[in-house]
Structures are given as structure tokens and as C-alpha cells.
Amino acid sequence: MGYYTDVNANLTFTPELDSLSAFLAVKEIGYPWSDITSRGIRFNDNGKFYGIDDEVKRLIEAVKAHTTVSGTIIGVGEEQPDIWRIVIKDNVATREEAQIVWPDGSPADI
């Protein structure tokens, strides 16, 4: 059992990843980065992503000498309002928690 999260990732490599050693380093990190191409990583999955922040850092560390990682990973948990995203720009990852507000701007205390 455990807490499941729907995750959608769209990450790009600029320039394309052309170093075999960097490519293999990312593959070695493993899931969820197993669907990697030279252009980036895209996946849609439901699972336990407790350590995804650390995994993103490991991914960036594995390729930063060869390429720049940019993109977004969005997560929606089983319980509301567990909605977050990791924004990656120029090899820097920042986690953001969604804030739900009413149209008048007041917070929705969920």
C-alpha cells in the first residue's frame, strides 16, 4: 500500500544528449528516467514518487557536463490539494506547491 501520485514529465535536453557515457549514467539511475531519448524525457505515470526531488537532482548531475535540462514535472496526489510541480530551468530545479484560490483571490481552505 502507500500513497500514489499521477506524474507527468516533459523535460528537454539542449543540446541533444550525444554523449554515450551521460546517456548510460541516466539509464543507470533508473526509473522513472528509463524512457530517455537524446532529446529529453517524457512520461506519464502513477506511482510512489516520494524521492522525486532527489532523483531530479541526480538526473541533472548526471548530464550537466553534456547538456542543459529544462522542463516541468507535474504531480497530483490522491488527496487534495496535493498538487505540485518541479520546474527545471538551466539545470536548476525548483519545487512549487499549488495554491487553490477562489475567483475573488481568497484562499480555498481545503
Protein backbone atom coordinates (compact mmCIF):
# COMPACT_ATOMS: atom_id res chain seq x y z
CA MET A 1 0.00 0.00 0.00
CA GLY A 2 1.09 3.61 0.04
CA TYR A 3 0.33 6.98 -1.38
CA TYR A 4 0.12 7.22 -5.17
CA THR A 5 0.67 10.27 -7.33
CA ASP A 6 -0.08 10.88 -11.01
CA VAL A 7 3.05 12.38 -12.56
CA ASN A 8 3.53 13.93 -15.99
CA ALA A 9 7.03 14.93 -17.06
CA ASN A 10 8.23 16.81 -20.11
CA LEU A 11 11.96 17.51 -19.95
CA THR A 12 14.23 18.59 -22.80
CA PHE A 13 17.97 18.42 -23.31
CA THR A 14 19.66 21.37 -25.04
CA PRO A 15 21.74 20.49 -26.95
CA GLU A 16 20.61 16.93 -27.58
CA LEU A 17 22.35 14.40 -25.39
CA ASP A 18 25.01 12.87 -27.62
CA SER A 19 27.41 11.50 -25.04
CA LEU A 20 27.05 7.76 -24.55
CA SER A 21 28.50 7.98 -21.04
CA ALA A 22 25.93 10.60 -19.97
CA PHE A 23 23.12 8.63 -21.57
CA LEU A 24 24.19 5.47 -19.74
CA ALA A 25 24.54 7.39 -16.45
CA VAL A 26 20.91 8.49 -16.70
CA LYS A 27 19.77 4.98 -17.61
CA GLU A 28 21.68 3.68 -14.58
CA ILE A 29 19.74 6.00 -12.27
CA GLY A 30 16.71 4.02 -13.38
CA TYR A 31 13.02 4.59 -13.07
CA PRO A 32 11.36 6.96 -13.90
CA TRP A 33 14.11 8.13 -16.23
CA SER A 34 14.06 4.87 -18.21
CA ASP A 35 12.17 6.50 -21.12
CA ILE A 36 15.02 8.79 -22.09
CA THR A 37 15.92 9.84 -25.63
CA SER A 38 18.70 12.11 -26.84
CA ARG A 39 16.15 14.97 -26.90
CA GLY A 40 14.74 14.52 -23.39
CA ILE A 41 12.41 12.61 -21.14
CA ARG A 42 8.64 12.34 -21.35
CA PHE A 43 6.47 10.14 -19.21
CA ASN A 44 3.02 9.85 -17.70
CA ASP A 45 2.75 7.51 -14.76
CA ASN A 46 1.03 6.73 -11.48
CA GLY A 47 3.20 5.58 -8.63
CA LYS A 48 5.08 6.36 -5.46
CA PHE A 49 7.31 9.36 -6.13
CA TYR A 50 8.48 10.12 -2.59
CA GLY A 51 12.05 10.88 -3.66
CA ILE A 52 11.45 12.58 -6.98
CA ASP A 53 13.16 15.82 -5.89
CA ASP A 54 16.38 13.94 -5.20
CA GLU A 55 16.01 11.94 -8.43
CA VAL A 56 15.75 15.17 -10.43
CA LYS A 57 18.97 16.41 -8.81
CA ARG A 58 20.68 13.12 -9.67
CA LEU A 59 19.47 13.39 -13.27
CA ILE A 60 20.80 16.94 -13.64
CA GLU A 61 24.11 15.96 -12.05
CA ALA A 62 24.46 13.02 -14.47
CA VAL A 63 24.12 15.16 -17.61
CA LYS A 64 25.09 18.74 -16.74
CA ALA A 65 28.57 18.42 -18.29
CA HIS A 66 26.95 17.48 -21.63
CA THR A 67 23.61 19.28 -21.83
CA THR A 68 21.14 21.60 -20.11
CA VAL A 69 17.91 20.19 -18.67
CA SER A 70 14.71 22.24 -18.82
CA GLY A 71 11.04 21.39 -18.40
CA THR A 72 8.30 20.62 -15.94
CA ILE A 73 7.20 17.66 -13.85
CA ILE A 74 3.65 17.91 -12.52
CA GLY A 75 2.30 15.73 -9.71
CA VAL A 76 -1.27 15.28 -8.49
CA GLY A 77 -1.66 13.18 -5.35
CA GLU A 78 -4.55 11.07 -4.13
CA GLU A 79 -5.65 13.67 -1.61
CA GLN A 80 -6.47 17.26 -2.45
CA PRO A 81 -4.90 19.74 -2.52
CA ASP A 82 -1.72 17.71 -3.12
CA ILE A 83 -0.74 19.33 -6.40
CA TRP A 84 2.85 20.29 -7.12
CA ARG A 85 5.35 20.78 -9.88
CA ILE A 86 9.08 20.81 -10.32
CA VAL A 87 10.22 23.47 -12.75
CA ILE A 88 13.67 22.92 -14.23
CA LYS A 89 15.40 25.80 -15.99
CA ASP A 90 19.07 25.81 -16.93
CA ASN A 91 19.80 22.76 -14.73
CA VAL A 92 18.18 24.31 -11.64
CA ALA A 93 15.14 22.50 -10.21
CA THR A 94 12.58 24.33 -8.09
CA ARG A 95 9.61 22.64 -6.42
CA GLU A 96 6.35 24.60 -6.27
CA GLU A 97 3.18 23.72 -4.36
CA ALA A 98 -0.13 24.72 -5.97
CA GLN A 99 -2.29 27.20 -4.16
CA ILE A 100 -6.01 26.95 -4.69
CA VAL A 101 -7.85 30.27 -4.51
CA TRP A 102 -11.42 31.40 -5.15
CA PRO A 103 -12.11 33.78 -8.05
CA ASP A 104 -12.08 36.71 -5.59
CA GLY A 105 -8.50 35.81 -4.61
CA SER A 106 -9.27 34.40 -1.17
CA PRO A 107 -7.61 31.08 -0.28
CA ALA A 108 -9.62 27.89 -0.50
CA ASP A 109 -9.08 26.23 2.88
CA ILE A 110 -9.23 22.62 1.78
